[in-house]
Amino acid sequence: MQAQLLVLEHEPRLRHASAVGMFLLVAGLPTLLVAGLPGVPTTARVVVGLCCTAIGAWLGVRAERAVVVCESDGILIRGFVRSRCIPVRDVVGLRGIHLYWCSPRGRLRRSRLSSFATTHQAPRSVRDRNEAYLNELSRWLDRAVYGGLRRRAKQARHLDDDALARELRLATVAQRWERRLLRGPDLSESTVWDELVTSAATETKRRALPR
């Protein structure tokens, strides 16, 4: 069963406030600091002001459009600086405001969900809302990623050699990540990835045997 579409974004008033705040911080503060420095040529002040204004406007637009879109085949993370689309099959897990995933070469990567980051100075309502968004994303991952691991383990023997090798790399990285970050150093602890690791490794060994 395919996972349902999930769109996580703040309500318009919070997105507008974030965009304005980003613009004022990036465009206004450096400009004021340069303007207050003695001996800075007027031309330099104008150039700095224009550059900061352009960057602040760009970041403000990015803040306005920040969103996380989860579909059955991929997760789009549009942050304040960059956007990334991560295949669901490459997702390892969620911890805090970071989504961990495995690169095609078997390296553990993470993407920051910047629109859900909060500070202690943020209003309690904003912090609670961000936590609710992250919990909703976690439940979606339970269905879309972890819920399909047993099926992926059964399908391992039907994969071609390249796909099987990638599945084994991902499962091994994910297993190591879960043990290190979520369960501690005890290697005897089971993880949700164990069945996939065992299935992919067994099939890999079987194909390596002489025929």
N, C-alpha and C. Protein backbone atom coordinates (compact mmCIF):
# COMPACT_ATOMS: atom_id res chain seq x y z
N MET A 1 0.84 -1.19 0.00
CA MET A 1 0.00 0.00 0.00
C MET A 1 0.88 1.25 0.00
N GLN A 2 0.57 2.16 -0.89
CA GLN A 2 1.37 3.37 -0.98
C GLN A 2 1.04 4.33 0.15
N ALA A 3 2.07 5.05 0.58
CA ALA A 3 1.86 6.04 1.64
C ALA A 3 1.11 7.23 1.08
N GLN A 4 0.27 7.82 1.91
CA GLN A 4 -0.51 8.98 1.48
C GLN A 4 0.38 10.22 1.41
N LEU A 5 -0.06 11.15 0.58
CA LEU A 5 0.65 12.42 0.45
C LEU A 5 0.60 13.18 1.78
N LEU A 6 1.74 13.72 2.17
CA LEU A 6 1.83 14.51 3.40
C LEU A 6 2.56 15.81 3.08
N VAL A 7 1.92 16.93 3.36
CA VAL A 7 2.51 18.25 3.14
C VAL A 7 2.60 18.96 4.48
N LEU A 8 3.81 19.33 4.86
CA LEU A 8 4.05 19.99 6.14
C LEU A 8 4.58 21.40 5.88
N GLU A 9 3.79 22.39 6.22
CA GLU A 9 4.23 23.77 6.10
C GLU A 9 3.45 24.62 7.10
N HIS A 10 4.08 25.70 7.52
CA HIS A 10 3.44 26.58 8.49
C HIS A 10 2.30 27.35 7.84
N GLU A 11 1.42 27.83 8.67
CA GLU A 11 0.32 28.64 8.17
C GLU A 11 0.86 29.95 7.60
N PRO A 12 0.10 30.60 6.73
CA PRO A 12 0.62 31.78 6.00
C PRO A 12 1.19 32.87 6.90
N ARG A 13 0.56 33.19 8.00
CA ARG A 13 1.05 34.31 8.82
C ARG A 13 2.43 34.02 9.39
N LEU A 14 2.70 32.76 9.74
CA LEU A 14 4.02 32.42 10.25
C LEU A 14 5.06 32.41 9.14
N ARG A 15 4.66 31.99 7.95
CA ARG A 15 5.60 32.03 6.83
C ARG A 15 5.94 33.47 6.46
N HIS A 16 4.94 34.36 6.49
CA HIS A 16 5.19 35.77 6.20
C HIS A 16 6.14 36.38 7.24
N ALA A 17 5.89 36.05 8.51
CA ALA A 17 6.73 36.59 9.58
C ALA A 17 8.16 36.08 9.46
N SER A 18 8.31 34.82 9.10
CA SER A 18 9.64 34.25 8.91
C SER A 18 10.36 34.92 7.75
N ALA A 19 9.63 35.18 6.66
CA ALA A 19 10.24 35.83 5.49
C ALA A 19 10.68 37.25 5.81
N VAL A 20 9.82 37.99 6.51
CA VAL A 20 10.17 39.37 6.86
C VAL A 20 11.36 39.39 7.81
N GLY A 21 11.34 38.50 8.81
CA GLY A 21 12.45 38.44 9.75
C GLY A 21 13.76 38.10 9.09
N MET A 22 13.72 37.15 8.14
CA MET A 22 14.93 36.77 7.42
C MET A 22 15.46 37.95 6.61
N PHE A 23 14.55 38.66 5.95
CA PHE A 23 14.97 39.80 5.13
C PHE A 23 15.61 40.89 5.99
N LEU A 24 14.97 41.23 7.10
CA LEU A 24 15.49 42.29 7.96
C LEU A 24 16.84 41.90 8.56
N LEU A 25 16.97 40.64 8.92
CA LEU A 25 18.23 40.19 9.53
C LEU A 25 19.38 40.25 8.55
N VAL A 26 19.16 39.74 7.34
CA VAL A 26 20.24 39.65 6.36
C VAL A 26 20.48 40.97 5.64
N ALA A 27 19.40 41.68 5.34
CA ALA A 27 19.55 42.92 4.57
C ALA A 27 19.80 44.13 5.46
N GLY A 28 19.09 44.20 6.58
CA GLY A 28 19.17 45.41 7.39
C GLY A 28 20.36 45.49 8.31
N LEU A 29 20.65 44.42 9.04
CA LEU A 29 21.70 44.46 10.05
C LEU A 29 23.09 44.73 9.47
N PRO A 30 23.55 43.97 8.45
CA PRO A 30 24.87 44.29 7.89
C PRO A 30 24.95 45.69 7.31
N THR A 31 23.86 46.14 6.67
CA THR A 31 23.86 47.47 6.08
C THR A 31 24.04 48.55 7.14
N LEU A 32 23.35 48.39 8.26
CA LEU A 32 23.47 49.36 9.34
C LEU A 32 24.87 49.33 9.96
N LEU A 33 25.43 48.13 10.09
CA LEU A 33 26.77 48.03 10.67
C LEU A 33 27.81 48.72 9.78
N VAL A 34 27.72 48.49 8.47
CA VAL A 34 28.67 49.12 7.55
C VAL A 34 28.47 50.63 7.54
N ALA A 35 27.21 51.06 7.60
CA ALA A 35 26.93 52.50 7.58
C ALA A 35 27.50 53.20 8.80
N GLY A 36 27.62 52.49 9.91
CA GLY A 36 28.14 53.10 11.12
C GLY A 36 29.64 53.07 11.25
N LEU A 37 30.33 52.38 10.34
CA LEU A 37 31.78 52.32 10.41
C LEU A 37 32.40 53.59 9.81
N PRO A 38 33.34 54.18 10.51
CA PRO A 38 33.98 55.38 9.97
C PRO A 38 34.97 55.03 8.86
N GLY A 39 35.09 55.91 7.92
CA GLY A 39 36.09 55.76 6.86
C GLY A 39 35.69 54.84 5.73
N VAL A 40 34.47 54.34 5.70
CA VAL A 40 34.04 53.45 4.61
C VAL A 40 33.51 54.31 3.47
N PRO A 41 34.04 54.15 2.27
CA PRO A 41 33.57 54.97 1.14
C PRO A 41 32.09 54.77 0.87
N THR A 42 31.48 55.79 0.36
CA THR A 42 30.05 55.73 0.06
C THR A 42 29.73 54.62 -0.93
N THR A 43 30.60 54.48 -1.93
CA THR A 43 30.37 53.44 -2.94
C THR A 43 30.35 52.06 -2.31
N ALA A 44 31.26 51.81 -1.38
CA ALA A 44 31.31 50.51 -0.71
C ALA A 44 30.04 50.28 0.10
N ARG A 45 29.56 51.33 0.75
CA ARG A 45 28.34 51.20 1.54
C ARG A 45 27.15 50.86 0.65
N VAL A 46 27.08 51.50 -0.50
CA VAL A 46 25.98 51.23 -1.44
C VAL A 46 26.05 49.80 -1.96
N VAL A 47 27.26 49.37 -2.32
CA VAL A 47 27.43 48.01 -2.84
C VAL A 47 27.03 46.98 -1.78
N VAL A 48 27.50 47.18 -0.55
CA VAL A 48 27.15 46.25 0.52
C VAL A 48 25.65 46.25 0.76
N GLY A 49 25.05 47.42 0.75
CA GLY A 49 23.61 47.51 0.96
C GLY A 49 22.82 46.79 -0.12
N LEU A 50 23.23 46.97 -1.37
CA LEU A 50 22.53 46.32 -2.47
C LEU A 50 22.69 44.80 -2.42
N CYS A 51 23.90 44.36 -2.13
CA CYS A 51 24.16 42.91 -2.05
C CYS A 51 23.36 42.28 -0.92
N CYS A 52 23.39 42.92 0.25
CA CYS A 52 22.65 42.38 1.39
C CYS A 52 21.15 42.39 1.14
N THR A 53 20.66 43.42 0.47
CA THR A 53 19.24 43.49 0.14
C THR A 53 18.84 42.36 -0.80
N ALA A 54 19.67 42.12 -1.81
CA ALA A 54 19.37 41.04 -2.77
C ALA A 54 19.38 39.68 -2.08
N ILE A 55 20.41 39.44 -1.26
CA ILE A 55 20.49 38.16 -0.56
C ILE A 55 19.34 38.01 0.43
N GLY A 56 19.02 39.09 1.14
CA GLY A 56 17.91 39.05 2.10
C GLY A 56 16.58 38.77 1.42
N ALA A 57 16.37 39.38 0.24
CA ALA A 57 15.13 39.13 -0.50
C ALA A 57 15.04 37.68 -0.95
N TRP A 58 16.16 37.15 -1.43
CA TRP A 58 16.18 35.75 -1.87
C TRP A 58 15.89 34.81 -0.72
N LEU A 59 16.54 35.02 0.43
CA LEU A 59 16.31 34.17 1.59
C LEU A 59 14.89 34.35 2.13
N GLY A 60 14.35 35.57 2.03
CA GLY A 60 12.97 35.79 2.46
C GLY A 60 11.99 34.98 1.63
N VAL A 61 12.21 34.93 0.32
CA VAL A 61 11.36 34.12 -0.56
C VAL A 61 11.50 32.65 -0.21
N ARG A 62 12.72 32.21 0.04
CA ARG A 62 12.94 30.81 0.42
C ARG A 62 12.23 30.48 1.73
N ALA A 63 12.28 31.39 2.69
CA ALA A 63 11.62 31.16 3.97
C ALA A 63 10.11 31.10 3.79
N GLU A 64 9.59 31.93 2.90
CA GLU A 64 8.15 31.94 2.61
C GLU A 64 7.70 30.61 2.01
N ARG A 65 8.56 30.00 1.20
CA ARG A 65 8.18 28.79 0.47
C ARG A 65 8.68 27.51 1.12
N ALA A 66 9.24 27.59 2.33
CA ALA A 66 9.77 26.40 3.00
C ALA A 66 8.65 25.40 3.24
N VAL A 67 8.92 24.14 2.90
CA VAL A 67 7.90 23.11 3.01
C VAL A 67 8.57 21.74 2.98
N VAL A 68 7.89 20.75 3.50
CA VAL A 68 8.30 19.35 3.38
C VAL A 68 7.13 18.59 2.76
N VAL A 69 7.37 17.99 1.60
CA VAL A 69 6.33 17.25 0.89
C VAL A 69 6.75 15.78 0.82
N CYS A 70 5.93 14.91 1.38
CA CYS A 70 6.23 13.48 1.41
C CYS A 70 5.29 12.75 0.47
N GLU A 71 5.85 12.08 -0.53
CA GLU A 71 5.09 11.27 -1.46
C GLU A 71 5.59 9.84 -1.40
N SER A 72 4.91 8.95 -2.09
CA SER A 72 5.24 7.54 -1.99
C SER A 72 6.63 7.22 -2.52
N ASP A 73 7.13 8.04 -3.44
CA ASP A 73 8.44 7.74 -4.03
C ASP A 73 9.55 8.68 -3.59
N GLY A 74 9.23 9.79 -2.94
CA GLY A 74 10.27 10.72 -2.53
C GLY A 74 9.80 11.76 -1.55
N ILE A 75 10.77 12.38 -0.87
CA ILE A 75 10.49 13.43 0.10
C ILE A 75 11.21 14.70 -0.36
N LEU A 76 10.43 15.74 -0.60
CA LEU A 76 10.98 17.04 -1.00
C LEU A 76 11.15 17.90 0.24
N ILE A 77 12.38 18.37 0.45
CA ILE A 77 12.67 19.27 1.56
C ILE A 77 13.11 20.60 0.95
N ARG A 78 12.27 21.60 1.07
CA ARG A 78 12.60 22.93 0.56
C ARG A 78 12.93 23.81 1.76
N GLY A 79 14.21 24.05 1.96
CA GLY A 79 14.66 24.81 3.11
C GLY A 79 14.94 26.26 2.80
N PHE A 80 15.61 26.93 3.74
CA PHE A 80 15.90 28.36 3.57
C PHE A 80 16.98 28.61 2.53
N VAL A 81 17.85 27.64 2.31
CA VAL A 81 18.98 27.84 1.41
C VAL A 81 18.92 26.93 0.18
N ARG A 82 18.50 25.69 0.37
CA ARG A 82 18.51 24.75 -0.75
C ARG A 82 17.32 23.82 -0.67
N SER A 83 17.07 23.12 -1.77
CA SER A 83 16.01 22.13 -1.84
C SER A 83 16.64 20.78 -2.18
N ARG A 84 16.05 19.73 -1.66
CA ARG A 84 16.54 18.39 -1.95
C ARG A 84 15.37 17.41 -2.00
N CYS A 85 15.42 16.50 -2.95
CA CYS A 85 14.42 15.44 -3.04
C CYS A 85 15.11 14.11 -2.75
N ILE A 86 14.64 13.43 -1.72
CA ILE A 86 15.26 12.20 -1.26
C ILE A 86 14.34 11.02 -1.57
N PRO A 87 14.81 10.02 -2.31
CA PRO A 87 13.98 8.84 -2.55
C PRO A 87 13.61 8.16 -1.22
N VAL A 88 12.37 7.71 -1.13
CA VAL A 88 11.92 7.08 0.10
C VAL A 88 12.76 5.84 0.42
N ARG A 89 13.18 5.11 -0.59
CA ARG A 89 13.97 3.90 -0.37
C ARG A 89 15.33 4.20 0.23
N ASP A 90 15.79 5.46 0.16
CA ASP A 90 17.10 5.83 0.70
C ASP A 90 17.01 6.38 2.12
N VAL A 91 15.81 6.56 2.63
CA VAL A 91 15.64 7.17 3.96
C VAL A 91 16.06 6.19 5.04
N VAL A 92 16.82 6.68 6.00
CA VAL A 92 17.28 5.88 7.13
C VAL A 92 16.44 6.15 8.37
N GLY A 93 16.20 7.42 8.68
CA GLY A 93 15.39 7.73 9.85
C GLY A 93 15.38 9.21 10.16
N LEU A 94 14.63 9.55 11.18
CA LEU A 94 14.48 10.94 11.62
C LEU A 94 14.96 11.07 13.05
N ARG A 95 15.76 12.09 13.28
CA ARG A 95 16.22 12.38 14.64
C ARG A 95 16.25 13.89 14.82
N GLY A 96 15.42 14.39 15.72
CA GLY A 96 15.33 15.83 15.90
C GLY A 96 14.81 16.48 14.65
N ILE A 97 15.52 17.49 14.16
CA ILE A 97 15.11 18.19 12.94
C ILE A 97 15.96 17.75 11.74
N HIS A 98 16.57 16.58 11.82
CA HIS A 98 17.40 16.08 10.73
C HIS A 98 16.83 14.76 10.20
N LEU A 99 16.70 14.71 8.88
CA LEU A 99 16.31 13.48 8.21
C LEU A 99 17.58 12.81 7.67
N TYR A 100 17.81 11.59 8.12
CA TYR A 100 19.01 10.85 7.71
C TYR A 100 18.68 9.95 6.53
N TRP A 101 19.63 9.86 5.59
CA TRP A 101 19.43 9.04 4.41
C TRP A 101 20.78 8.53 3.92
N CYS A 102 20.72 7.59 3.02
CA CYS A 102 21.94 6.94 2.53
C CYS A 102 22.18 7.34 1.08
N SER A 103 23.38 7.77 0.78
CA SER A 103 23.73 8.16 -0.58
C SER A 103 23.93 6.91 -1.44
N PRO A 104 23.93 7.06 -2.77
CA PRO A 104 24.16 5.89 -3.64
C PRO A 104 25.47 5.17 -3.36
N ARG A 105 26.45 5.88 -2.81
CA ARG A 105 27.74 5.25 -2.50
C ARG A 105 27.79 4.65 -1.10
N GLY A 106 26.67 4.68 -0.41
CA GLY A 106 26.60 4.05 0.90
C GLY A 106 27.06 4.93 2.04
N ARG A 107 27.02 6.25 1.88
CA ARG A 107 27.41 7.17 2.94
C ARG A 107 26.19 7.73 3.63
N LEU A 108 26.28 7.86 4.93
CA LEU A 108 25.18 8.41 5.70
C LEU A 108 25.14 9.92 5.54
N ARG A 109 24.01 10.44 5.13
CA ARG A 109 23.82 11.88 4.95
C ARG A 109 22.66 12.33 5.83
N ARG A 110 22.58 13.65 6.00
CA ARG A 110 21.44 14.18 6.72
C ARG A 110 21.02 15.52 6.12
N SER A 111 19.73 15.76 6.14
CA SER A 111 19.17 17.02 5.65
C SER A 111 18.41 17.69 6.78
N ARG A 112 18.67 18.97 6.95
CA ARG A 112 18.07 19.72 8.06
C ARG A 112 16.69 20.24 7.66
N LEU A 113 15.72 20.00 8.52
CA LEU A 113 14.37 20.53 8.30
C LEU A 113 14.30 21.90 8.95
N SER A 114 14.87 22.88 8.24
CA SER A 114 15.08 24.20 8.84
C SER A 114 13.78 24.90 9.20
N SER A 115 12.70 24.63 8.49
CA SER A 115 11.45 25.33 8.78
C SER A 115 10.83 24.88 10.10
N PHE A 116 11.32 23.76 10.67
CA PHE A 116 10.79 23.27 11.93
C PHE A 116 11.77 23.45 13.08
N ALA A 117 12.84 24.21 12.84
CA ALA A 117 13.81 24.49 13.90
C ALA A 117 13.28 25.61 14.79
N THR A 118 13.45 25.46 16.08
CA THR A 118 13.00 26.48 17.03
C THR A 118 14.10 26.76 18.04
N THR A 119 13.96 27.88 18.71
CA THR A 119 14.86 28.25 19.80
C THR A 119 14.05 28.36 21.09
N HIS A 120 14.75 28.48 22.20
CA HIS A 120 14.07 28.61 23.48
C HIS A 120 13.31 29.93 23.57
N GLN A 121 13.71 30.90 22.74
CA GLN A 121 13.03 32.19 22.77
C GLN A 121 11.73 32.18 21.98
N ALA A 122 11.51 31.14 21.17
CA ALA A 122 10.29 31.07 20.36
C ALA A 122 9.07 30.86 21.25
N PRO A 123 7.92 31.39 20.85
CA PRO A 123 6.69 31.17 21.63
C PRO A 123 6.39 29.69 21.80
N ARG A 124 5.76 29.35 22.90
CA ARG A 124 5.44 27.95 23.18
C ARG A 124 4.54 27.36 22.08
N SER A 125 3.64 28.18 21.53
CA SER A 125 2.75 27.67 20.49
C SER A 125 3.53 27.25 19.25
N VAL A 126 4.57 28.01 18.90
CA VAL A 126 5.39 27.67 17.73
C VAL A 126 6.17 26.40 17.99
N ARG A 127 6.75 26.28 19.18
CA ARG A 127 7.50 25.07 19.50
C ARG A 127 6.61 23.83 19.50
N ASP A 128 5.40 23.98 20.05
CA ASP A 128 4.47 22.84 20.06
C ASP A 128 4.05 22.47 18.65
N ARG A 129 3.85 23.46 17.80
CA ARG A 129 3.44 23.18 16.43
C ARG A 129 4.55 22.49 15.66
N ASN A 130 5.79 22.94 15.84
CA ASN A 130 6.91 22.28 15.16
C ASN A 130 7.07 20.84 15.64
N GLU A 131 6.90 20.63 16.92
CA GLU A 131 6.99 19.27 17.45
C GLU A 131 5.89 18.39 16.87
N ALA A 132 4.70 18.96 16.71
CA ALA A 132 3.60 18.20 16.12
C ALA A 132 3.90 17.84 14.67
N TYR A 133 4.51 18.77 13.93
CA TYR A 133 4.88 18.48 12.55
C TYR A 133 5.90 17.33 12.48
N LEU A 134 6.89 17.37 13.35
CA LEU A 134 7.91 16.33 13.36
C LEU A 134 7.33 14.99 13.75
N ASN A 135 6.40 14.99 14.69
CA ASN A 135 5.74 13.74 15.08
C ASN A 135 4.91 13.18 13.93
N GLU A 136 4.27 14.07 13.19
CA GLU A 136 3.49 13.62 12.03
C GLU A 136 4.40 13.03 10.96
N LEU A 137 5.55 13.66 10.75
CA LEU A 137 6.52 13.12 9.79
C LEU A 137 7.04 11.77 10.26
N SER A 138 7.29 11.63 11.55
CA SER A 138 7.77 10.36 12.10
C SER A 138 6.75 9.24 11.87
N ARG A 139 5.48 9.54 12.06
CA ARG A 139 4.44 8.53 11.83
C ARG A 139 4.37 8.16 10.35
N TRP A 140 4.56 9.15 9.48
CA TRP A 140 4.53 8.87 8.05
C TRP A 140 5.69 7.95 7.68
N LEU A 141 6.87 8.20 8.24
CA LEU A 141 8.03 7.35 7.96
C LEU A 141 7.81 5.93 8.47
N ASP A 142 7.13 5.80 9.60
CA ASP A 142 6.82 4.46 10.11
C ASP A 142 6.05 3.65 9.08
N ARG A 143 5.12 4.29 8.40
CA ARG A 143 4.31 3.59 7.40
C ARG A 143 5.06 3.42 6.08
N ALA A 144 5.68 4.51 5.60
CA ALA A 144 6.27 4.50 4.27
C ALA A 144 7.60 3.78 4.19
N VAL A 145 8.40 3.86 5.26
CA VAL A 145 9.75 3.26 5.24
C VAL A 145 9.77 1.97 6.05
N TYR A 146 9.58 2.07 7.35
CA TYR A 146 9.71 0.90 8.21
C TYR A 146 8.64 -0.15 7.93
N GLY A 147 7.44 0.32 7.54
CA GLY A 147 6.38 -0.63 7.26
C GLY A 147 6.62 -1.50 6.05
N GLY A 148 7.55 -1.09 5.18
CA GLY A 148 7.83 -1.86 3.97
C GLY A 148 9.12 -2.65 4.01
N LEU A 149 9.79 -2.68 5.16
CA LEU A 149 11.10 -3.35 5.22
C LEU A 149 10.97 -4.86 5.06
N ARG A 150 9.94 -5.45 5.62
CA ARG A 150 9.77 -6.91 5.48
C ARG A 150 9.53 -7.28 4.02
N ARG A 151 8.74 -6.48 3.33
CA ARG A 151 8.50 -6.74 1.90
C ARG A 151 9.79 -6.58 1.11
N ARG A 152 10.59 -5.58 1.43
CA ARG A 152 11.86 -5.38 0.74
C ARG A 152 12.82 -6.54 1.00
N ALA A 153 12.78 -7.09 2.21
CA ALA A 153 13.63 -8.23 2.53
C ALA A 153 13.25 -9.45 1.68
N LYS A 154 11.96 -9.65 1.47
CA LYS A 154 11.51 -10.78 0.66
C LYS A 154 11.83 -10.58 -0.81
N GLN A 155 11.90 -9.34 -1.25
CA GLN A 155 12.16 -9.05 -2.66
C GLN A 155 13.65 -9.02 -2.99
N ALA A 156 14.51 -9.14 -2.00
CA ALA A 156 15.95 -9.00 -2.24
C ALA A 156 16.46 -9.99 -3.27
N ARG A 157 15.95 -11.21 -3.24
CA ARG A 157 16.45 -12.22 -4.18
C ARG A 157 16.04 -11.96 -5.62
N HIS A 158 15.11 -11.05 -5.82
CA HIS A 158 14.65 -10.73 -7.17
C HIS A 158 15.35 -9.51 -7.76
N LEU A 159 16.21 -8.86 -6.99
CA LEU A 159 16.89 -7.65 -7.46
C LEU A 159 18.08 -8.03 -8.34
N ASP A 160 18.43 -7.12 -9.26
CA ASP A 160 19.66 -7.36 -10.01
C ASP A 160 20.86 -7.07 -9.11
N ASP A 161 22.06 -7.36 -9.59
CA ASP A 161 23.25 -7.29 -8.74
C ASP A 161 23.49 -5.87 -8.21
N ASP A 162 23.33 -4.86 -9.06
CA ASP A 162 23.56 -3.48 -8.62
C ASP A 162 22.55 -3.05 -7.58
N ALA A 163 21.28 -3.35 -7.81
CA ALA A 163 20.24 -2.98 -6.86
C ALA A 163 20.41 -3.72 -5.54
N LEU A 164 20.82 -4.98 -5.61
CA LEU A 164 21.04 -5.76 -4.39
C LEU A 164 22.20 -5.17 -3.58
N ALA A 165 23.28 -4.81 -4.26
CA ALA A 165 24.43 -4.22 -3.57
C ALA A 165 24.05 -2.92 -2.90
N ARG A 166 23.25 -2.10 -3.56
CA ARG A 166 22.83 -0.84 -2.97
C ARG A 166 21.91 -1.08 -1.77
N GLU A 167 21.03 -2.05 -1.88
CA GLU A 167 20.12 -2.36 -0.77
C GLU A 167 20.91 -2.83 0.45
N LEU A 168 21.94 -3.62 0.23
CA LEU A 168 22.76 -4.08 1.33
C LEU A 168 23.53 -2.93 1.96
N ARG A 169 24.08 -2.04 1.15
CA ARG A 169 24.79 -0.88 1.69
C ARG A 169 23.86 -0.02 2.54
N LEU A 170 22.68 0.26 2.01
CA LEU A 170 21.74 1.11 2.75
C LEU A 170 21.32 0.46 4.06
N ALA A 171 20.95 -0.81 4.01
CA ALA A 171 20.48 -1.49 5.21
C ALA A 171 21.58 -1.57 6.27
N THR A 172 22.82 -1.78 5.85
CA THR A 172 23.93 -1.84 6.80
C THR A 172 24.17 -0.49 7.45
N VAL A 173 24.14 0.57 6.64
CA VAL A 173 24.31 1.93 7.17
C VAL A 173 23.18 2.26 8.13
N ALA A 174 21.95 1.92 7.76
CA ALA A 174 20.79 2.22 8.61
C ALA A 174 20.84 1.43 9.91
N GLN A 175 21.25 0.19 9.83
CA GLN A 175 21.36 -0.63 11.03
C GLN A 175 22.39 -0.05 12.00
N ARG A 176 23.54 0.35 11.46
CA ARG A 176 24.58 0.95 12.28
C ARG A 176 24.11 2.28 12.89
N TRP A 177 23.40 3.07 12.09
CA TRP A 177 22.88 4.36 12.58
C TRP A 177 21.91 4.16 13.73
N GLU A 178 21.01 3.22 13.57
CA GLU A 178 20.00 3.01 14.62
C GLU A 178 20.65 2.52 15.91
N ARG A 179 21.62 1.64 15.79
CA ARG A 179 22.28 1.14 17.00
C ARG A 179 23.08 2.23 17.70
N ARG A 180 23.75 3.07 16.91
CA ARG A 180 24.61 4.09 17.50
C ARG A 180 23.81 5.24 18.11
N LEU A 181 22.82 5.73 17.39
CA LEU A 181 22.12 6.94 17.82
C LEU A 181 20.89 6.67 18.68
N LEU A 182 20.26 5.54 18.48
CA LEU A 182 19.00 5.31 19.16
C LEU A 182 19.07 4.25 20.25
N ARG A 183 20.00 3.34 20.13
CA ARG A 183 20.02 2.23 21.08
C ARG A 183 21.33 2.09 21.84
N GLY A 184 22.34 2.86 21.49
CA GLY A 184 23.59 2.77 22.20
C GLY A 184 24.53 1.77 21.56
N PRO A 185 25.65 1.50 22.24
CA PRO A 185 26.69 0.68 21.64
C PRO A 185 26.45 -0.82 21.68
N ASP A 186 25.37 -1.30 22.33
CA ASP A 186 25.13 -2.73 22.47
C ASP A 186 24.76 -3.33 21.12
N LEU A 187 25.67 -4.12 20.54
CA LEU A 187 25.44 -4.69 19.22
C LEU A 187 24.46 -5.84 19.25
N SER A 188 24.10 -6.34 20.44
CA SER A 188 23.13 -7.43 20.53
C SER A 188 21.70 -6.94 20.37
N GLU A 189 21.50 -5.63 20.48
CA GLU A 189 20.16 -5.07 20.34
C GLU A 189 19.68 -5.22 18.89
N SER A 190 18.45 -5.67 18.73
CA SER A 190 17.89 -5.82 17.40
C SER A 190 17.40 -4.47 16.87
N THR A 191 17.37 -4.33 15.56
CA THR A 191 16.89 -3.11 14.92
C THR A 191 15.85 -3.49 13.87
N VAL A 192 15.14 -2.50 13.38
CA VAL A 192 14.12 -2.76 12.36
C VAL A 192 14.76 -3.15 11.03
N TRP A 193 16.06 -2.92 10.89
CA TRP A 193 16.75 -3.19 9.63
C TRP A 193 17.39 -4.57 9.58
N ASP A 194 17.35 -5.33 10.66
CA ASP A 194 18.06 -6.61 10.72
C ASP A 194 17.61 -7.58 9.64
N GLU A 195 16.32 -7.70 9.44
CA GLU A 195 15.81 -8.67 8.47
C GLU A 195 16.27 -8.34 7.05
N LEU A 196 16.28 -7.06 6.72
CA LEU A 196 16.73 -6.65 5.38
C LEU A 196 18.22 -6.88 5.22
N VAL A 197 19.00 -6.58 6.25
CA VAL A 197 20.45 -6.83 6.20
C VAL A 197 20.72 -8.31 5.99
N THR A 198 20.05 -9.15 6.77
CA THR A 198 20.27 -10.59 6.67
C THR A 198 19.88 -11.12 5.30
N SER A 199 18.72 -10.68 4.80
CA SER A 199 18.25 -11.17 3.51
C SER A 199 19.18 -10.74 2.38
N ALA A 200 19.58 -9.45 2.36
CA ALA A 200 20.45 -8.96 1.30
C ALA A 200 21.84 -9.59 1.37
N ALA A 201 22.36 -9.76 2.58
CA ALA A 201 23.68 -10.37 2.74
C ALA A 201 23.66 -11.84 2.33
N THR A 202 22.61 -12.55 2.70
CA THR A 202 22.50 -13.97 2.33
C THR A 202 22.42 -14.14 0.82
N GLU A 203 21.63 -13.31 0.17
CA GLU A 203 21.51 -13.40 -1.29
C GLU A 203 22.81 -13.02 -1.97
N THR A 204 23.51 -12.03 -1.42
CA THR A 204 24.80 -11.64 -1.99
C THR A 204 25.80 -12.79 -1.90
N LYS A 205 25.85 -13.47 -0.76
CA LYS A 205 26.75 -14.62 -0.60
C LYS A 205 26.37 -15.76 -1.54
N ARG A 206 25.08 -15.99 -1.70
CA ARG A 206 24.63 -17.07 -2.57
C ARG A 206 25.06 -16.84 -4.01
N ARG A 207 24.98 -15.59 -4.47
CA ARG A 207 25.36 -15.28 -5.84
C ARG A 207 26.87 -15.34 -6.04
N ALA A 208 27.62 -15.19 -4.93
CA ALA A 208 29.07 -15.24 -5.05
C ALA A 208 29.62 -16.65 -5.11
N LEU A 209 28.78 -17.66 -4.80
CA LEU A 209 29.23 -19.04 -4.84
C LEU A 209 29.45 -19.48 -6.27
N PRO A 210 30.46 -20.33 -6.50
CA PRO A 210 30.71 -20.85 -7.86
C PRO A 210 29.55 -21.72 -8.33
N ARG A 211 29.25 -21.60 -9.58
CA ARG A 211 28.15 -22.40 -10.14
C ARG A 211 28.69 -23.54 -10.99
